[in-house]
Amino acid sequence: MLRLNNVEVVYDRAILVLKGISLDVPEQRIITLLGSNGAGKSTTLKAISGLLKPERGEITRGSVEAGCSTT
């Protein structure tokens, strides 16, 4: 499971770009983030992947895997 709990991300120590994001993704599930330009979709994914450090809240990591399986 991947869990985000009340995550906040600040750019350049001045611009709050994510505030209070919480999200649960159960194992073996796929979710989609939808929103307009500037809504925080890419920032959320950067926080999950570790490219950005959350100022507050926590990210409990499961695993993030790319690719698809053919069966």
PDB file of N, CA and C in Angstrom:
ATOM      1  N   MET A   1       0.844  -1.182   0.000  1.00  0.00           N
ATOM      2  CA  MET A   1       0.000   0.000   0.000  1.00  0.00           C
ATOM      3  C   MET A   1       0.880   1.233   0.000  1.00  0.00           C
ATOM      4  N   LEU A   2       0.449   2.222  -0.720  1.00  0.00           N
ATOM      5  CA  LEU A   2       1.092   3.537  -0.706  1.00  0.00           C
ATOM      6  C   LEU A   2       0.145   4.485  -0.003  1.00  0.00           C
ATOM      7  N   ARG A   3       0.673   5.206   0.997  1.00  0.00           N
ATOM      8  CA  ARG A   3      -0.183   6.108   1.768  1.00  0.00           C
ATOM      9  C   ARG A   3       0.484   7.470   1.893  1.00  0.00           C
ATOM     10  N   LEU A   4      -0.259   8.520   1.553  1.00  0.00           N
ATOM     11  CA  LEU A   4       0.148   9.897   1.813  1.00  0.00           C
ATOM     12  C   LEU A   4      -0.784  10.425   2.882  1.00  0.00           C
ATOM     13  N   ASN A   5      -0.217  11.090   3.881  1.00  0.00           N
ATOM     14  CA  ASN A   5      -1.028  11.599   4.974  1.00  0.00           C
ATOM     15  C   ASN A   5      -0.709  13.065   5.223  1.00  0.00           C
ATOM     16  N   ASN A   6      -1.636  13.944   4.824  1.00  0.00           N
ATOM     17  CA  ASN A   6      -1.547  15.372   5.097  1.00  0.00           C
ATOM     18  C   ASN A   6      -0.228  15.974   4.602  1.00  0.00           C
ATOM     19  N   VAL A   7       0.155  15.663   3.363  1.00  0.00           N
ATOM     20  CA  VAL A   7       1.427  16.098   2.799  1.00  0.00           C
ATOM     21  C   VAL A   7       1.343  17.544   2.318  1.00  0.00           C
ATOM     22  N   GLU A   8       2.389  18.308   2.629  1.00  0.00           N
ATOM     23  CA  GLU A   8       2.529  19.674   2.134  1.00  0.00           C
ATOM     24  C   GLU A   8       3.901  19.810   1.495  1.00  0.00           C
ATOM     25  N   VAL A   9       3.955  20.487   0.345  1.00  0.00           N
ATOM     26  CA  VAL A   9       5.213  20.722  -0.352  1.00  0.00           C
ATOM     27  C   VAL A   9       5.336  22.215  -0.595  1.00  0.00           C
ATOM     28  N   VAL A  10       6.531  22.746  -0.305  1.00  0.00           N
ATOM     29  CA  VAL A  10       6.808  24.173  -0.492  1.00  0.00           C
ATOM     30  C   VAL A  10       7.970  24.304  -1.469  1.00  0.00           C
ATOM     31  N   TYR A  11       7.815  25.136  -2.508  1.00  0.00           N
ATOM     32  CA  TYR A  11       8.899  25.434  -3.437  1.00  0.00           C
ATOM     33  C   TYR A  11       9.654  26.660  -2.949  1.00  0.00           C
ATOM     34  N   ASP A  12      10.963  26.616  -3.056  1.00  0.00           N
ATOM     35  CA  ASP A  12      11.832  27.755  -2.732  1.00  0.00           C
ATOM     36  C   ASP A  12      11.556  28.363  -1.364  1.00  0.00           C
ATOM     37  N   ARG A  13      11.137  27.523  -0.416  1.00  0.00           N
ATOM     38  CA  ARG A  13      10.865  27.952   0.958  1.00  0.00           C
ATOM     39  C   ARG A  13       9.832  29.070   1.050  1.00  0.00           C
ATOM     40  N   ALA A  14       9.047  29.284  -0.007  1.00  0.00           N
ATOM     41  CA  ALA A  14       8.103  30.403   0.009  1.00  0.00           C
ATOM     42  C   ALA A  14       6.741  30.094  -0.603  1.00  0.00           C
ATOM     43  N   ILE A  15       6.679  29.170  -1.550  1.00  0.00           N
ATOM     44  CA  ILE A  15       5.441  28.948  -2.296  1.00  0.00           C
ATOM     45  C   ILE A  15       4.844  27.602  -1.910  1.00  0.00           C
ATOM     46  N   LEU A  16       3.721  27.626  -1.211  1.00  0.00           N
ATOM     47  CA  LEU A  16       3.025  26.401  -0.825  1.00  0.00           C
ATOM     48  C   LEU A  16       2.275  25.869  -2.043  1.00  0.00           C
ATOM     49  N   VAL A  17       2.707  24.720  -2.554  1.00  0.00           N
ATOM     50  CA  VAL A  17       2.094  24.175  -3.769  1.00  0.00           C
ATOM     51  C   VAL A  17       1.181  22.990  -3.508  1.00  0.00           C
ATOM     52  N   LEU A  18       1.394  22.276  -2.420  1.00  0.00           N
ATOM     53  CA  LEU A  18       0.476  21.215  -2.002  1.00  0.00           C
ATOM     54  C   LEU A  18       0.143  21.440  -0.541  1.00  0.00           C
ATOM     55  N   LYS A  19      -1.115  21.327  -0.208  1.00  0.00           N
ATOM     56  CA  LYS A  19      -1.517  21.519   1.185  1.00  0.00           C
ATOM     57  C   LYS A  19      -2.498  20.427   1.585  1.00  0.00           C
ATOM     58  N   GLY A  20      -2.084  19.600   2.532  1.00  0.00           N
ATOM     59  CA  GLY A  20      -2.977  18.614   3.127  1.00  0.00           C
ATOM     60  C   GLY A  20      -3.423  17.498   2.208  1.00  0.00           C
ATOM     61  N   ILE A  21      -2.541  17.022   1.336  1.00  0.00           N
ATOM     62  CA  ILE A  21      -2.903  15.931   0.423  1.00  0.00           C
ATOM     63  C   ILE A  21      -2.835  14.598   1.167  1.00  0.00           C
ATOM     64  N   SER A  22      -3.919  13.856   1.147  1.00  0.00           N
ATOM     65  CA  SER A  22      -3.964  12.511   1.719  1.00  0.00           C
ATOM     66  C   SER A  22      -4.486  11.555   0.657  1.00  0.00           C
ATOM     67  N   LEU A  23      -3.878  10.373   0.596  1.00  0.00           N
ATOM     68  CA  LEU A  23      -4.207   9.433  -0.471  1.00  0.00           C
ATOM     69  C   LEU A  23      -3.801   8.034  -0.028  1.00  0.00           C
ATOM     70  N   ASP A  24      -4.651   7.061  -0.258  1.00  0.00           N
ATOM     71  CA  ASP A  24      -4.333   5.652  -0.017  1.00  0.00           C
ATOM     72  C   ASP A  24      -4.460   4.891  -1.328  1.00  0.00           C
ATOM     73  N   VAL A  25      -3.422   4.145  -1.683  1.00  0.00           N
ATOM     74  CA  VAL A  25      -3.468   3.305  -2.876  1.00  0.00           C
ATOM     75  C   VAL A  25      -3.230   1.870  -2.433  1.00  0.00           C
ATOM     76  N   PRO A  26      -4.267   1.025  -2.480  1.00  0.00           N
ATOM     77  CA  PRO A  26      -4.106  -0.374  -2.083  1.00  0.00           C
ATOM     78  C   PRO A  26      -3.156  -1.121  -3.015  1.00  0.00           C
ATOM     79  N   GLU A  27      -2.597  -2.217  -2.516  1.00  0.00           N
ATOM     80  CA  GLU A  27      -1.713  -3.046  -3.325  1.00  0.00           C
ATOM     81  C   GLU A  27      -2.400  -3.505  -4.594  1.00  0.00           C
ATOM     82  N   GLN A  28      -1.618  -3.580  -5.655  1.00  0.00           N
ATOM     83  CA  GLN A  28      -2.056  -4.068  -6.958  1.00  0.00           C
ATOM     84  C   GLN A  28      -3.227  -3.270  -7.535  1.00  0.00           C
ATOM     85  N   ARG A  29      -3.282  -1.987  -7.234  1.00  0.00           N
ATOM     86  CA  ARG A  29      -4.316  -1.104  -7.785  1.00  0.00           C
ATOM     87  C   ARG A  29      -3.663  -0.002  -8.596  1.00  0.00           C
ATOM     88  N   ILE A  30      -4.402   0.548  -9.504  1.00  0.00           N
ATOM     89  CA  ILE A  30      -3.956   1.680 -10.314  1.00  0.00           C
ATOM     90  C   ILE A  30      -4.903   2.828 -10.035  1.00  0.00           C
ATOM     91  N   ILE A  31      -4.347   4.020  -9.818  1.00  0.00           N
ATOM     92  CA  ILE A  31      -5.180   5.202  -9.638  1.00  0.00           C
ATOM     93  C   ILE A  31      -4.764   6.257 -10.658  1.00  0.00           C
ATOM     94  N   THR A  32      -5.602   7.244 -10.822  1.00  0.00           N
ATOM     95  CA  THR A  32      -5.328   8.348 -11.731  1.00  0.00           C
ATOM     96  C   THR A  32      -5.490   9.651 -10.979  1.00  0.00           C
ATOM     97  N   LEU A  33      -4.549  10.576 -11.193  1.00  0.00           N
ATOM     98  CA  LEU A  33      -4.673  11.928 -10.644  1.00  0.00           C
ATOM     99  C   LEU A  33      -5.181  12.829 -11.756  1.00  0.00           C
ATOM    100  N   LEU A  34      -6.301  13.451 -11.528  1.00  0.00           N
ATOM    101  CA  LEU A  34      -6.893  14.352 -12.519  1.00  0.00           C
ATOM    102  C   LEU A  34      -6.956  15.762 -11.948  1.00  0.00           C
ATOM    103  N   GLY A  35      -6.784  16.749 -12.809  1.00  0.00           N
ATOM    104  CA  GLY A  35      -6.899  18.137 -12.381  1.00  0.00           C
ATOM    105  C   GLY A  35      -6.422  19.068 -13.476  1.00  0.00           C
ATOM    106  N   SER A  36      -6.729  20.328 -13.314  1.00  0.00           N
ATOM    107  CA  SER A  36      -6.329  21.324 -14.306  1.00  0.00           C
ATOM    108  C   SER A  36      -4.838  21.636 -14.172  1.00  0.00           C
ATOM    109  N   ASN A  37      -4.329  22.440 -15.101  1.00  0.00           N
ATOM    110  CA  ASN A  37      -2.937  22.882 -15.026  1.00  0.00           C
ATOM    111  C   ASN A  37      -2.698  23.578 -13.696  1.00  0.00           C
ATOM    112  N   GLY A  38      -1.595  23.240 -13.052  1.00  0.00           N
ATOM    113  CA  GLY A  38      -1.249  23.878 -11.796  1.00  0.00           C
ATOM    114  C   GLY A  38      -1.958  23.324 -10.575  1.00  0.00           C
ATOM    115  N   ALA A  39      -2.668  22.215 -10.732  1.00  0.00           N
ATOM    116  CA  ALA A  39      -3.427  21.648  -9.614  1.00  0.00           C
ATOM    117  C   ALA A  39      -2.558  20.853  -8.635  1.00  0.00           C
ATOM    118  N   GLY A  40      -1.343  20.457  -9.065  1.00  0.00           N
ATOM    119  CA  GLY A  40      -0.439  19.737  -8.178  1.00  0.00           C
ATOM    120  C   GLY A  40      -0.221  18.276  -8.514  1.00  0.00           C
ATOM    121  N   LYS A  41      -0.645  17.847  -9.686  1.00  0.00           N
ATOM    122  CA  LYS A  41      -0.486  16.440 -10.066  1.00  0.00           C
ATOM    123  C   LYS A  41       0.986  16.038 -10.134  1.00  0.00           C
ATOM    124  N   SER A  42       1.779  16.779 -10.862  1.00  0.00           N
ATOM    125  CA  SER A  42       3.209  16.458 -11.002  1.00  0.00           C
ATOM    126  C   SER A  42       3.939  16.610  -9.681  1.00  0.00           C
ATOM    127  N   THR A  43       3.599  17.616  -8.914  1.00  0.00           N
ATOM    128  CA  THR A  43       4.235  17.830  -7.610  1.00  0.00           C
ATOM    129  C   THR A  43       3.930  16.670  -6.676  1.00  0.00           C
ATOM    130  N   THR A  44       2.711  16.165  -6.709  1.00  0.00           N
ATOM    131  CA  THR A  44       2.343  15.008  -5.894  1.00  0.00           C
ATOM    132  C   THR A  44       3.202  13.806  -6.269  1.00  0.00           C
ATOM    133  N   LEU A  45       3.349  13.546  -7.563  1.00  0.00           N
ATOM    134  CA  LEU A  45       4.162  12.411  -8.012  1.00  0.00           C
ATOM    135  C   LEU A  45       5.634  12.604  -7.669  1.00  0.00           C
ATOM    136  N   LYS A  46       6.131  13.834  -7.739  1.00  0.00           N
ATOM    137  CA  LYS A  46       7.520  14.108  -7.356  1.00  0.00           C
ATOM    138  C   LYS A  46       7.730  13.879  -5.862  1.00  0.00           C
ATOM    139  N   ALA A  47       6.759  14.224  -5.053  1.00  0.00           N
ATOM    140  CA  ALA A  47       6.863  13.985  -3.608  1.00  0.00           C
ATOM    141  C   ALA A  47       6.850  12.483  -3.315  1.00  0.00           C
ATOM    142  N   ILE A  48       5.992  11.738  -3.995  1.00  0.00           N
ATOM    143  CA  ILE A  48       5.928  10.286  -3.799  1.00  0.00           C
ATOM    144  C   ILE A  48       7.245   9.631  -4.206  1.00  0.00           C
ATOM    145  N   SER A  49       7.820  10.072  -5.320  1.00  0.00           N
ATOM    146  CA  SER A  49       9.040   9.443  -5.833  1.00  0.00           C
ATOM    147  C   SER A  49      10.301   9.909  -5.118  1.00  0.00           C
ATOM    148  N   GLY A  50      10.181  10.924  -4.259  1.00  0.00           N
ATOM    149  CA  GLY A  50      11.341  11.394  -3.516  1.00  0.00           C
ATOM    150  C   GLY A  50      12.102  12.519  -4.172  1.00  0.00           C
ATOM    151  N   LEU A  51      11.639  13.011  -5.315  1.00  0.00           N
ATOM    152  CA  LEU A  51      12.310  14.132  -5.974  1.00  0.00           C
ATOM    153  C   LEU A  51      12.102  15.441  -5.220  1.00  0.00           C
ATOM    154  N   LEU A  52      10.997  15.547  -4.503  1.00  0.00           N
ATOM    155  CA  LEU A  52      10.724  16.699  -3.638  1.00  0.00           C
ATOM    156  C   LEU A  52      10.483  16.199  -2.230  1.00  0.00           C
ATOM    157  N   LYS A  53      10.982  16.938  -1.260  1.00  0.00           N
ATOM    158  CA  LYS A  53      10.796  16.555   0.134  1.00  0.00           C
ATOM    159  C   LYS A  53       9.575  17.272   0.697  1.00  0.00           C
ATOM    160  N   PRO A  54       8.633  16.533   1.264  1.00  0.00           N
ATOM    161  CA  PRO A  54       7.474  17.177   1.891  1.00  0.00           C
ATOM    162  C   PRO A  54       7.898  18.003   3.102  1.00  0.00           C
ATOM    163  N   GLU A  55       7.299  19.163   3.274  1.00  0.00           N
ATOM    164  CA  GLU A  55       7.563  20.003   4.440  1.00  0.00           C
ATOM    165  C   GLU A  55       6.876  19.432   5.672  1.00  0.00           C
ATOM    166  N   ARG A  56       5.675  18.925   5.485  1.00  0.00           N
ATOM    167  CA  ARG A  56       4.884  18.342   6.571  1.00  0.00           C
ATOM    168  C   ARG A  56       4.209  17.090   6.062  1.00  0.00           C
ATOM    169  N   GLY A  57       3.707  16.309   7.009  1.00  0.00           N
ATOM    170  CA  GLY A  57       2.998  15.086   6.650  1.00  0.00           C
ATOM    171  C   GLY A  57       3.978  13.954   6.440  1.00  0.00           C
ATOM    172  N   GLU A  58       3.455  12.842   5.966  1.00  0.00           N
ATOM    173  CA  GLU A  58       4.306  11.678   5.767  1.00  0.00           C
ATOM    174  C   GLU A  58       3.864  10.896   4.547  1.00  0.00           C
ATOM    175  N   ILE A  59       4.843  10.250   3.947  1.00  0.00           N
ATOM    176  CA  ILE A  59       4.587   9.347   2.837  1.00  0.00           C
ATOM    177  C   ILE A  59       5.091   7.986   3.274  1.00  0.00           C
ATOM    178  N   THR A  60       4.175   7.046   3.415  1.00  0.00           N
ATOM    179  CA  THR A  60       4.543   5.682   3.768  1.00  0.00           C
ATOM    180  C   THR A  60       4.681   4.928   2.450  1.00  0.00           C
ATOM    181  N   ARG A  61       5.880   4.516   2.172  1.00  0.00           N
ATOM    182  CA  ARG A  61       6.158   3.989   0.856  1.00  0.00           C
ATOM    183  C   ARG A  61       5.844   2.510   0.736  1.00  0.00           C
ATOM    184  N   GLY A  62       5.194   2.216  -0.362  1.00  0.00           N
ATOM    185  CA  GLY A  62       5.067   0.850  -0.815  1.00  0.00           C
ATOM    186  C   GLY A  62       6.140   0.713  -1.882  1.00  0.00           C
ATOM    187  N   SER A  63       5.775   0.258  -3.038  1.00  0.00           N
ATOM    188  CA  SER A  63       6.721   0.251  -4.128  1.00  0.00           C
ATOM    189  C   SER A  63       6.081   0.921  -5.331  1.00  0.00           C
ATOM    190  N   VAL A  64       6.904   1.610  -6.089  1.00  0.00           N
ATOM    191  CA  VAL A  64       6.443   2.258  -7.311  1.00  0.00           C
ATOM    192  C   VAL A  64       7.142   1.555  -8.457  1.00  0.00           C
ATOM    193  N   GLU A  65       6.367   0.950  -9.345  1.00  0.00           N
ATOM    194  CA  GLU A  65       6.929   0.184 -10.435  1.00  0.00           C
ATOM    195  C   GLU A  65       6.439   0.718 -11.759  1.00  0.00           C
ATOM    196  N   ALA A  66       7.323   0.772 -12.733  1.00  0.00           N
ATOM    197  CA  ALA A  66       6.960   1.227 -14.068  1.00  0.00           C
ATOM    198  C   ALA A  66       6.836   0.017 -14.988  1.00  0.00           C
ATOM    199  N   GLY A  67       6.111   0.216 -16.066  1.00  0.00           N
ATOM    200  CA  GLY A  67       5.984  -0.847 -17.035  1.00  0.00           C
ATOM    201  C   GLY A  67       4.665  -1.575 -16.910  1.00  0.00           C
ATOM    202  N   CYS A  68       4.475  -2.544 -17.771  1.00  0.00           N
ATOM    203  CA  CYS A  68       3.238  -3.322 -17.728  1.00  0.00           C
ATOM    204  C   CYS A  68       3.592  -4.792 -17.877  1.00  0.00           C
ATOM    205  N   SER A  69       2.706  -5.607 -17.432  1.00  0.00           N
ATOM    206  CA  SER A  69       2.928  -7.034 -17.528  1.00  0.00           C
ATOM    207  C   SER A  69       2.029  -7.591 -18.621  1.00  0.00           C
ATOM    208  N   THR A  70       2.548  -8.518 -19.363  1.00  0.00           N
ATOM    209  CA  THR A  70       1.739  -9.165 -20.395  1.00  0.00           C
ATOM    210  C   THR A  70       1.434 -10.581 -19.926  1.00  0.00           C
ATOM    211  N   THR A  71       0.178 -10.902 -19.957  1.00  0.00           N
ATOM    212  CA  THR A  71      -0.236 -12.234 -19.492  1.00  0.00           C
ATOM    213  C   THR A  71      -0.955 -12.977 -20.561  1.00  0.00           C
TER     214      THR A  71
END
